[in-house]
Amino acid sequence: MDEHGGDGSVLDLLEKRIDETVGQLLECRKENEALRSEMASLQSILRSCKLPVSGASEEGRDEGFSYTEKVRIKQKLVQILQRIEVELRNDSAG
């Protein structure tokens, strides 16, 4: 009879661990979906923010961005970061 009782407790423990694992899996799926949603939101923000492109001649391209273009890019990046922050706040509030 001890064998059957031991088997029962092993099965109970196994069932409990399976339930815990399934619960963890469901939580991971929820978190994964939230992360996918967040990534889609960030991608949308980045697509909507177009950086200025250097339209200079070949020589200008070799030198890189002009000072004015660098300032515009920095301003645009600040705007992007601010929009990301707002989106993250909205997601965490909702």
PDB file of N, CA and C in Angstrom:
ATOM      1  N   MET A   1       0.816  -1.193   0.000  1.00  0.00           N
ATOM      2  CA  MET A   1       0.000   0.000   0.000  1.00  0.00           C
ATOM      3  C   MET A   1       0.859   1.256   0.000  1.00  0.00           C
ATOM      4  N   ASP A   2       2.046   1.183   0.598  1.00  0.00           N
ATOM      5  CA  ASP A   2       2.917   2.345   0.612  1.00  0.00           C
ATOM      6  C   ASP A   2       3.331   2.738  -0.801  1.00  0.00           C
ATOM      7  N   GLU A   3       3.502   1.716  -1.663  1.00  0.00           N
ATOM      8  CA  GLU A   3       3.886   2.014  -3.035  1.00  0.00           C
ATOM      9  C   GLU A   3       2.831   2.863  -3.722  1.00  0.00           C
ATOM     10  N   HIS A   4       1.566   2.515  -3.544  1.00  0.00           N
ATOM     11  CA  HIS A   4       0.484   3.263  -4.189  1.00  0.00           C
ATOM     12  C   HIS A   4       0.385   4.665  -3.615  1.00  0.00           C
ATOM     13  N   GLY A   5       0.560   4.790  -2.315  1.00  0.00           N
ATOM     14  CA  GLY A   5       0.519   6.109  -1.687  1.00  0.00           C
ATOM     15  C   GLY A   5       1.664   6.974  -2.170  1.00  0.00           C
ATOM     16  N   GLY A   6       2.843   6.370  -2.329  1.00  0.00           N
ATOM     17  CA  GLY A   6       4.004   7.102  -2.840  1.00  0.00           C
ATOM     18  C   GLY A   6       3.791   7.536  -4.273  1.00  0.00           C
ATOM     19  N   ASP A   7       3.207   6.646  -5.071  1.00  0.00           N
ATOM     20  CA  ASP A   7       2.919   6.987  -6.462  1.00  0.00           C
ATOM     21  C   ASP A   7       1.934   8.145  -6.542  1.00  0.00           C
ATOM     22  N   GLY A   8       0.960   8.130  -5.647  1.00  0.00           N
ATOM     23  CA  GLY A   8      -0.040   9.202  -5.643  1.00  0.00           C
ATOM     24  C   GLY A   8       0.582  10.548  -5.334  1.00  0.00           C
ATOM     25  N   SER A   9       1.490  10.586  -4.365  1.00  0.00           N
ATOM     26  CA  SER A   9       2.110  11.867  -4.028  1.00  0.00           C
ATOM     27  C   SER A   9       3.037  12.344  -5.141  1.00  0.00           C
ATOM     28  N   VAL A  10       3.705  11.398  -5.804  1.00  0.00           N
ATOM     29  CA  VAL A  10       4.559  11.765  -6.938  1.00  0.00           C
ATOM     30  C   VAL A  10       3.700  12.324  -8.066  1.00  0.00           C
ATOM     31  N   LEU A  11       2.579  11.670  -8.328  1.00  0.00           N
ATOM     32  CA  LEU A  11       1.675  12.153  -9.376  1.00  0.00           C
ATOM     33  C   LEU A  11       1.095  13.518  -9.016  1.00  0.00           C
ATOM     34  N   ASP A  12       0.745  13.700  -7.739  1.00  0.00           N
ATOM     35  CA  ASP A  12       0.227  14.996  -7.297  1.00  0.00           C
ATOM     36  C   ASP A  12       1.272  16.090  -7.489  1.00  0.00           C
ATOM     37  N   LEU A  13       2.510  15.781  -7.121  1.00  0.00           N
ATOM     38  CA  LEU A  13       3.603  16.742  -7.276  1.00  0.00           C
ATOM     39  C   LEU A  13       3.836  17.051  -8.755  1.00  0.00           C
ATOM     40  N   LEU A  14       3.815  16.016  -9.578  1.00  0.00           N
ATOM     41  CA  LEU A  14       3.994  16.195 -11.017  1.00  0.00           C
ATOM     42  C   LEU A  14       2.877  17.060 -11.592  1.00  0.00           C
ATOM     43  N   GLU A  15       1.655  16.790 -11.196  1.00  0.00           N
ATOM     44  CA  GLU A  15       0.513  17.568 -11.672  1.00  0.00           C
ATOM     45  C   GLU A  15       0.635  19.030 -11.232  1.00  0.00           C
ATOM     46  N   LYS A  16       1.058  19.234 -10.000  1.00  0.00           N
ATOM     47  CA  LYS A  16       1.232  20.596  -9.478  1.00  0.00           C
ATOM     48  C   LYS A  16       2.292  21.341 -10.287  1.00  0.00           C
ATOM     49  N   ARG A  17       3.391  20.670 -10.570  1.00  0.00           N
ATOM     50  CA  ARG A  17       4.469  21.310 -11.342  1.00  0.00           C
ATOM     51  C   ARG A  17       4.036  21.587 -12.780  1.00  0.00           C
ATOM     52  N   ILE A  18       3.258  20.701 -13.344  1.00  0.00           N
ATOM     53  CA  ILE A  18       2.735  20.926 -14.696  1.00  0.00           C
ATOM     54  C   ILE A  18       1.828  22.155 -14.694  1.00  0.00           C
ATOM     55  N   ASP A  19       0.951  22.261 -13.704  1.00  0.00           N
ATOM     56  CA  ASP A  19       0.067  23.424 -13.593  1.00  0.00           C
ATOM     57  C   ASP A  19       0.877  24.713 -13.447  1.00  0.00           C
ATOM     58  N   GLU A  20       1.932  24.676 -12.635  1.00  0.00           N
ATOM     59  CA  GLU A  20       2.788  25.852 -12.455  1.00  0.00           C
ATOM     60  C   GLU A  20       3.473  26.230 -13.764  1.00  0.00           C
ATOM     61  N   THR A  21       3.957  25.223 -14.485  1.00  0.00           N
ATOM     62  CA  THR A  21       4.638  25.462 -15.755  1.00  0.00           C
ATOM     63  C   THR A  21       3.678  26.046 -16.787  1.00  0.00           C
ATOM     64  N   VAL A  22       2.470  25.526 -16.840  1.00  0.00           N
ATOM     65  CA  VAL A  22       1.461  26.056 -17.760  1.00  0.00           C
ATOM     66  C   VAL A  22       1.141  27.507 -17.392  1.00  0.00           C
ATOM     67  N   GLY A  23       1.034  27.797 -16.105  1.00  0.00           N
ATOM     68  CA  GLY A  23       0.791  29.169 -15.656  1.00  0.00           C
ATOM     69  C   GLY A  23       1.915  30.106 -16.065  1.00  0.00           C
ATOM     70  N   GLN A  24       3.154  29.653 -15.916  1.00  0.00           N
ATOM     71  CA  GLN A  24       4.302  30.458 -16.334  1.00  0.00           C
ATOM     72  C   GLN A  24       4.290  30.681 -17.836  1.00  0.00           C
ATOM     73  N   LEU A  25       3.938  29.654 -18.578  1.00  0.00           N
ATOM     74  CA  LEU A  25       3.861  29.766 -20.029  1.00  0.00           C
ATOM     75  C   LEU A  25       2.821  30.809 -20.437  1.00  0.00           C
ATOM     76  N   LEU A  26       1.661  30.776 -19.796  1.00  0.00           N
ATOM     77  CA  LEU A  26       0.612  31.752 -20.104  1.00  0.00           C
ATOM     78  C   LEU A  26       1.074  33.170 -19.781  1.00  0.00           C
ATOM     79  N   GLU A  27       1.768  33.348 -18.662  1.00  0.00           N
ATOM     80  CA  GLU A  27       2.297  34.667 -18.302  1.00  0.00           C
ATOM     81  C   GLU A  27       3.326  35.135 -19.327  1.00  0.00           C
ATOM     82  N   CYS A  28       4.178  34.226 -19.775  1.00  0.00           N
ATOM     83  CA  CYS A  28       5.177  34.569 -20.788  1.00  0.00           C
ATOM     84  C   CYS A  28       4.509  34.974 -22.099  1.00  0.00           C
ATOM     85  N   ARG A  29       3.444  34.281 -22.448  1.00  0.00           N
ATOM     86  CA  ARG A  29       2.720  34.632 -23.680  1.00  0.00           C
ATOM     87  C   ARG A  29       2.107  36.021 -23.575  1.00  0.00           C
ATOM     88  N   LYS A  30       1.530  36.342 -22.407  1.00  0.00           N
ATOM     89  CA  LYS A  30       0.959  37.679 -22.201  1.00  0.00           C
ATOM     90  C   LYS A  30       2.045  38.742 -22.299  1.00  0.00           C
ATOM     91  N   GLU A  31       3.178  38.485 -21.657  1.00  0.00           N
ATOM     92  CA  GLU A  31       4.287  39.440 -21.690  1.00  0.00           C
ATOM     93  C   GLU A  31       4.820  39.588 -23.108  1.00  0.00           C
ATOM     94  N   ASN A  32       4.921  38.484 -23.832  1.00  0.00           N
ATOM     95  CA  ASN A  32       5.384  38.503 -25.213  1.00  0.00           C
ATOM     96  C   ASN A  32       4.451  39.345 -26.079  1.00  0.00           C
ATOM     97  N   GLU A  33       3.160  39.185 -25.889  1.00  0.00           N
ATOM     98  CA  GLU A  33       2.183  39.963 -26.655  1.00  0.00           C
ATOM     99  C   GLU A  33       2.302  41.448 -26.328  1.00  0.00           C
ATOM    100  N   ALA A  34       2.497  41.767 -25.048  1.00  0.00           N
ATOM    101  CA  ALA A  34       2.667  43.168 -24.644  1.00  0.00           C
ATOM    102  C   ALA A  34       3.927  43.755 -25.277  1.00  0.00           C
ATOM    103  N   LEU A  35       4.994  42.978 -25.311  1.00  0.00           N
ATOM    104  CA  LEU A  35       6.238  43.453 -25.919  1.00  0.00           C
ATOM    105  C   LEU A  35       6.080  43.635 -27.426  1.00  0.00           C
ATOM    106  N   ARG A  36       5.356  42.735 -28.069  1.00  0.00           N
ATOM    107  CA  ARG A  36       5.105  42.892 -29.508  1.00  0.00           C
ATOM    108  C   ARG A  36       4.314  44.167 -29.781  1.00  0.00           C
ATOM    109  N   SER A  37       3.324  44.417 -28.956  1.00  0.00           N
ATOM    110  CA  SER A  37       2.517  45.624 -29.103  1.00  0.00           C
ATOM    111  C   SER A  37       3.376  46.870 -28.910  1.00  0.00           C
ATOM    112  N   GLU A  38       4.232  46.828 -27.906  1.00  0.00           N
ATOM    113  CA  GLU A  38       5.120  47.957 -27.640  1.00  0.00           C
ATOM    114  C   GLU A  38       6.078  48.175 -28.806  1.00  0.00           C
ATOM    115  N   MET A  39       6.623  47.093 -29.353  1.00  0.00           N
ATOM    116  CA  MET A  39       7.524  47.204 -30.499  1.00  0.00           C
ATOM    117  C   MET A  39       6.802  47.796 -31.709  1.00  0.00           C
ATOM    118  N   ALA A  40       5.587  47.364 -31.951  1.00  0.00           N
ATOM    119  CA  ALA A  40       4.815  47.896 -33.076  1.00  0.00           C
ATOM    120  C   ALA A  40       4.569  49.385 -32.891  1.00  0.00           C
ATOM    121  N   SER A  41       4.273  49.782 -31.663  1.00  0.00           N
ATOM    122  CA  SER A  41       4.048  51.191 -31.365  1.00  0.00           C
ATOM    123  C   SER A  41       5.321  52.003 -31.598  1.00  0.00           C
ATOM    124  N   LEU A  42       6.453  51.489 -31.132  1.00  0.00           N
ATOM    125  CA  LEU A  42       7.722  52.192 -31.323  1.00  0.00           C
ATOM    126  C   LEU A  42       8.099  52.259 -32.801  1.00  0.00           C
ATOM    127  N   GLN A  43       7.847  51.190 -33.541  1.00  0.00           N
ATOM    128  CA  GLN A  43       8.134  51.203 -34.971  1.00  0.00           C
ATOM    129  C   GLN A  43       7.270  52.239 -35.679  1.00  0.00           C
ATOM    130  N   SER A  44       6.024  52.347 -35.269  1.00  0.00           N
ATOM    131  CA  SER A  44       5.124  53.335 -35.853  1.00  0.00           C
ATOM    132  C   SER A  44       5.627  54.750 -35.586  1.00  0.00           C
ATOM    133  N   ILE A  45       6.068  54.987 -34.359  1.00  0.00           N
ATOM    134  CA  ILE A  45       6.603  56.306 -34.010  1.00  0.00           C
ATOM    135  C   ILE A  45       7.830  56.614 -34.855  1.00  0.00           C
ATOM    136  N   LEU A  46       8.735  55.655 -34.966  1.00  0.00           N
ATOM    137  CA  LEU A  46       9.962  55.888 -35.726  1.00  0.00           C
ATOM    138  C   LEU A  46       9.674  56.118 -37.205  1.00  0.00           C
ATOM    139  N   ARG A  47       8.695  55.413 -37.750  1.00  0.00           N
ATOM    140  CA  ARG A  47       8.348  55.614 -39.164  1.00  0.00           C
ATOM    141  C   ARG A  47       7.753  56.999 -39.401  1.00  0.00           C
ATOM    142  N   SER A  48       7.036  57.515 -38.402  1.00  0.00           N
ATOM    143  CA  SER A  48       6.387  58.814 -38.579  1.00  0.00           C
ATOM    144  C   SER A  48       7.356  59.979 -38.408  1.00  0.00           C
ATOM    145  N   CYS A  49       8.522  59.730 -37.839  1.00  0.00           N
ATOM    146  CA  CYS A  49       9.519  60.781 -37.619  1.00  0.00           C
ATOM    147  C   CYS A  49      10.611  60.643 -38.664  1.00  0.00           C
ATOM    148  N   LYS A  50      10.563  61.511 -39.643  1.00  0.00           N
ATOM    149  CA  LYS A  50      11.554  61.432 -40.707  1.00  0.00           C
ATOM    150  C   LYS A  50      12.701  62.386 -40.403  1.00  0.00           C
ATOM    151  N   LEU A  51      13.907  61.858 -40.471  1.00  0.00           N
ATOM    152  CA  LEU A  51      15.086  62.683 -40.247  1.00  0.00           C
ATOM    153  C   LEU A  51      15.429  63.425 -41.527  1.00  0.00           C
ATOM    154  N   PRO A  52      15.991  64.632 -41.384  1.00  0.00           N
ATOM    155  CA  PRO A  52      16.412  65.359 -42.584  1.00  0.00           C
ATOM    156  C   PRO A  52      17.537  64.593 -43.279  1.00  0.00           C
ATOM    157  N   VAL A  53      17.503  64.631 -44.591  1.00  0.00           N
ATOM    158  CA  VAL A  53      18.518  63.928 -45.366  1.00  0.00           C
ATOM    159  C   VAL A  53      19.392  64.961 -46.043  1.00  0.00           C
ATOM    160  N   SER A  54      20.663  64.730 -46.021  1.00  0.00           N
ATOM    161  CA  SER A  54      21.593  65.656 -46.655  1.00  0.00           C
ATOM    162  C   SER A  54      21.392  65.603 -48.162  1.00  0.00           C
ATOM    163  N   GLY A  55      21.018  66.721 -48.747  1.00  0.00           N
ATOM    164  CA  GLY A  55      20.812  66.791 -50.185  1.00  0.00           C
ATOM    165  C   GLY A  55      21.975  67.478 -50.857  1.00  0.00           C
ATOM    166  N   ALA A  56      23.076  67.576 -50.160  1.00  0.00           N
ATOM    167  CA  ALA A  56      24.247  68.269 -50.678  1.00  0.00           C
ATOM    168  C   ALA A  56      24.888  67.458 -51.799  1.00  0.00           C
ATOM    169  N   SER A  57      25.887  68.068 -52.379  1.00  0.00           N
ATOM    170  CA  SER A  57      26.607  67.406 -53.465  1.00  0.00           C
ATOM    171  C   SER A  57      27.409  66.230 -52.919  1.00  0.00           C
ATOM    172  N   GLU A  58      28.102  65.567 -53.817  1.00  0.00           N
ATOM    173  CA  GLU A  58      28.928  64.428 -53.410  1.00  0.00           C
ATOM    174  C   GLU A  58      29.938  64.845 -52.345  1.00  0.00           C
ATOM    175  N   GLU A  59      30.508  66.045 -52.485  1.00  0.00           N
ATOM    176  CA  GLU A  59      31.492  66.520 -51.510  1.00  0.00           C
ATOM    177  C   GLU A  59      30.858  66.662 -50.136  1.00  0.00           C
ATOM    178  N   GLY A  60      29.653  67.204 -50.093  1.00  0.00           N
ATOM    179  CA  GLY A  60      28.958  67.397 -48.825  1.00  0.00           C
ATOM    180  C   GLY A  60      28.691  66.076 -48.132  1.00  0.00           C
ATOM    181  N   ARG A  61      28.406  65.067 -48.906  1.00  0.00           N
ATOM    182  CA  ARG A  61      28.131  63.751 -48.325  1.00  0.00           C
ATOM    183  C   ARG A  61      29.387  63.162 -47.694  1.00  0.00           C
ATOM    184  N   ASP A  62      30.510  63.414 -48.330  1.00  0.00           N
ATOM    185  CA  ASP A  62      31.760  62.901 -47.785  1.00  0.00           C
ATOM    186  C   ASP A  62      32.074  63.538 -46.436  1.00  0.00           C
ATOM    187  N   GLU A  63      31.717  64.804 -46.281  1.00  0.00           N
ATOM    188  CA  GLU A  63      32.006  65.520 -45.044  1.00  0.00           C
ATOM    189  C   GLU A  63      31.028  65.138 -43.942  1.00  0.00           C
ATOM    190  N   GLY A  64      29.905  64.584 -44.275  1.00  0.00           N
ATOM    191  CA  GLY A  64      28.890  64.258 -43.278  1.00  0.00           C
ATOM    192  C   GLY A  64      27.837  65.347 -43.221  1.00  0.00           C
ATOM    193  N   PHE A  65      27.094  65.377 -42.126  1.00  0.00           N
ATOM    194  CA  PHE A  65      26.022  66.349 -41.973  1.00  0.00           C
ATOM    195  C   PHE A  65      26.576  67.724 -41.632  1.00  0.00           C
ATOM    196  N   SER A  66      25.890  68.749 -42.114  1.00  0.00           N
ATOM    197  CA  SER A  66      26.264  70.112 -41.732  1.00  0.00           C
ATOM    198  C   SER A  66      25.834  70.353 -40.291  1.00  0.00           C
ATOM    199  N   TYR A  67      26.296  71.457 -39.723  1.00  0.00           N
ATOM    200  CA  TYR A  67      25.939  71.784 -38.335  1.00  0.00           C
ATOM    201  C   TYR A  67      24.425  71.900 -38.192  1.00  0.00           C
ATOM    202  N   THR A  68      23.793  72.577 -39.137  1.00  0.00           N
ATOM    203  CA  THR A  68      22.337  72.765 -39.085  1.00  0.00           C
ATOM    204  C   THR A  68      21.614  71.426 -39.143  1.00  0.00           C
ATOM    205  N   GLU A  69      22.080  70.543 -40.010  1.00  0.00           N
ATOM    206  CA  GLU A  69      21.463  69.217 -40.105  1.00  0.00           C
ATOM    207  C   GLU A  69      21.648  68.428 -38.815  1.00  0.00           C
ATOM    208  N   LYS A  70      22.823  68.544 -38.207  1.00  0.00           N
ATOM    209  CA  LYS A  70      23.067  67.856 -36.938  1.00  0.00           C
ATOM    210  C   LYS A  70      22.116  68.357 -35.858  1.00  0.00           C
ATOM    211  N   VAL A  71      21.903  69.674 -35.818  1.00  0.00           N
ATOM    212  CA  VAL A  71      20.979  70.249 -34.830  1.00  0.00           C
ATOM    213  C   VAL A  71      19.569  69.726 -35.080  1.00  0.00           C
ATOM    214  N   ARG A  72      19.144  69.698 -36.344  1.00  0.00           N
ATOM    215  CA  ARG A  72      17.807  69.185 -36.676  1.00  0.00           C
ATOM    216  C   ARG A  72      17.664  67.719 -36.289  1.00  0.00           C
ATOM    217  N   ILE A  73      18.688  66.949 -36.547  1.00  0.00           N
ATOM    218  CA  ILE A  73      18.650  65.526 -36.196  1.00  0.00           C
ATOM    219  C   ILE A  73      18.543  65.362 -34.691  1.00  0.00           C
ATOM    220  N   LYS A  74      19.333  66.128 -33.941  1.00  0.00           N
ATOM    221  CA  LYS A  74      19.260  66.047 -32.478  1.00  0.00           C
ATOM    222  C   LYS A  74      17.868  66.422 -31.988  1.00  0.00           C
ATOM    223  N   GLN A  75      17.295  67.479 -32.565  1.00  0.00           N
ATOM    224  CA  GLN A  75      15.944  67.891 -32.167  1.00  0.00           C
ATOM    225  C   GLN A  75      14.933  66.794 -32.491  1.00  0.00           C
ATOM    226  N   LYS A  76      15.080  66.190 -33.651  1.00  0.00           N
ATOM    227  CA  LYS A  76      14.160  65.128 -34.053  1.00  0.00           C
ATOM    228  C   LYS A  76      14.296  63.920 -33.125  1.00  0.00           C
ATOM    229  N   LEU A  77      15.524  63.584 -32.753  1.00  0.00           N
ATOM    230  CA  LEU A  77      15.736  62.465 -31.831  1.00  0.00           C
ATOM    231  C   LEU A  77      15.132  62.751 -30.464  1.00  0.00           C
ATOM    232  N   VAL A  78      15.236  63.991 -30.006  1.00  0.00           N
ATOM    233  CA  VAL A  78      14.611  64.367 -28.733  1.00  0.00           C
ATOM    234  C   VAL A  78      13.100  64.200 -28.841  1.00  0.00           C
ATOM    235  N   GLN A  79      12.517  64.634 -29.960  1.00  0.00           N
ATOM    236  CA  GLN A  79      11.074  64.473 -30.167  1.00  0.00           C
ATOM    237  C   GLN A  79      10.690  62.992 -30.168  1.00  0.00           C
ATOM    238  N   ILE A  80      11.490  62.178 -30.820  1.00  0.00           N
ATOM    239  CA  ILE A  80      11.211  60.737 -30.863  1.00  0.00           C
ATOM    240  C   ILE A  80      11.239  60.157 -29.459  1.00  0.00           C
ATOM    241  N   LEU A  81      12.263  60.506 -28.690  1.00  0.00           N
ATOM    242  CA  LEU A  81      12.360  60.002 -27.319  1.00  0.00           C
ATOM    243  C   LEU A  81      11.183  60.464 -26.471  1.00  0.00           C
ATOM    244  N   GLN A  82      10.754  61.706 -26.662  1.00  0.00           N
ATOM    245  CA  GLN A  82       9.601  62.207 -25.911  1.00  0.00           C
ATOM    246  C   GLN A  82       8.335  61.449 -26.290  1.00  0.00           C
ATOM    247  N   ARG A  83       8.154  61.185 -27.567  1.00  0.00           N
ATOM    248  CA  ARG A  83       6.968  60.442 -28.000  1.00  0.00           C
ATOM    249  C   ARG A  83       6.990  59.013 -27.475  1.00  0.00           C
ATOM    250  N   ILE A  84       8.176  58.412 -27.460  1.00  0.00           N
ATOM    251  CA  ILE A  84       8.302  57.061 -26.904  1.00  0.00           C
ATOM    252  C   ILE A  84       7.931  57.074 -25.431  1.00  0.00           C
ATOM    253  N   GLU A  85       8.419  58.078 -24.708  1.00  0.00           N
ATOM    254  CA  GLU A  85       8.105  58.184 -23.282  1.00  0.00           C
ATOM    255  C   GLU A  85       6.605  58.330 -23.061  1.00  0.00           C
ATOM    256  N   VAL A  86       5.945  59.154 -23.873  1.00  0.00           N
ATOM    257  CA  VAL A  86       4.495  59.335 -23.760  1.00  0.00           C
ATOM    258  C   VAL A  86       3.780  58.018 -24.040  1.00  0.00           C
ATOM    259  N   GLU A  87       4.204  57.311 -25.096  1.00  0.00           N
ATOM    260  CA  GLU A  87       3.587  56.024 -25.429  1.00  0.00           C
ATOM    261  C   GLU A  87       3.743  55.018 -24.289  1.00  0.00           C
ATOM    262  N   LEU A  88       4.935  54.975 -23.717  1.00  0.00           N
ATOM    263  CA  LEU A  88       5.172  54.040 -22.614  1.00  0.00           C
ATOM    264  C   LEU A  88       4.313  54.386 -21.409  1.00  0.00           C
ATOM    265  N   ARG A  89       4.163  55.676 -21.136  1.00  0.00           N
ATOM    266  CA  ARG A  89       3.304  56.093 -20.019  1.00  0.00           C
ATOM    267  C   ARG A  89       1.857  55.709 -20.287  1.00  0.00           C
ATOM    268  N   ASN A  90       1.404  55.922 -21.521  1.00  0.00           N
ATOM    269  CA  ASN A  90       0.028  55.569 -21.879  1.00  0.00           C
ATOM    270  C   ASN A  90      -0.202  54.069 -21.754  1.00  0.00           C
ATOM    271  N   ASP A  91       0.776  53.283 -22.197  1.00  0.00           N
ATOM    272  CA  ASP A  91       0.645  51.827 -22.109  1.00  0.00           C
ATOM    273  C   ASP A  91       0.625  51.352 -20.668  1.00  0.00           C
ATOM    274  N   SER A  92       1.458  51.951 -19.822  1.00  0.00           N
ATOM    275  CA  SER A  92       1.501  51.505 -18.427  1.00  0.00           C
ATOM    276  C   SER A  92       0.283  51.989 -17.651  1.00  0.00           C
ATOM    277  N   ALA A  93      -0.314  53.107 -18.067  1.00  0.00           N
ATOM    278  CA  ALA A  93      -1.514  53.615 -17.392  1.00  0.00           C
ATOM    279  C   ALA A  93      -2.747  52.820 -17.809  1.00  0.00           C
ATOM    280  N   GLY A  94      -2.736  52.331 -19.028  1.00  0.00           N
ATOM    281  CA  GLY A  94      -3.904  51.630 -19.572  1.00  0.00           C
ATOM    282  C   GLY A  94      -3.820  50.197 -19.352  1.00  0.00           C
TER     283      GLY A  94
END
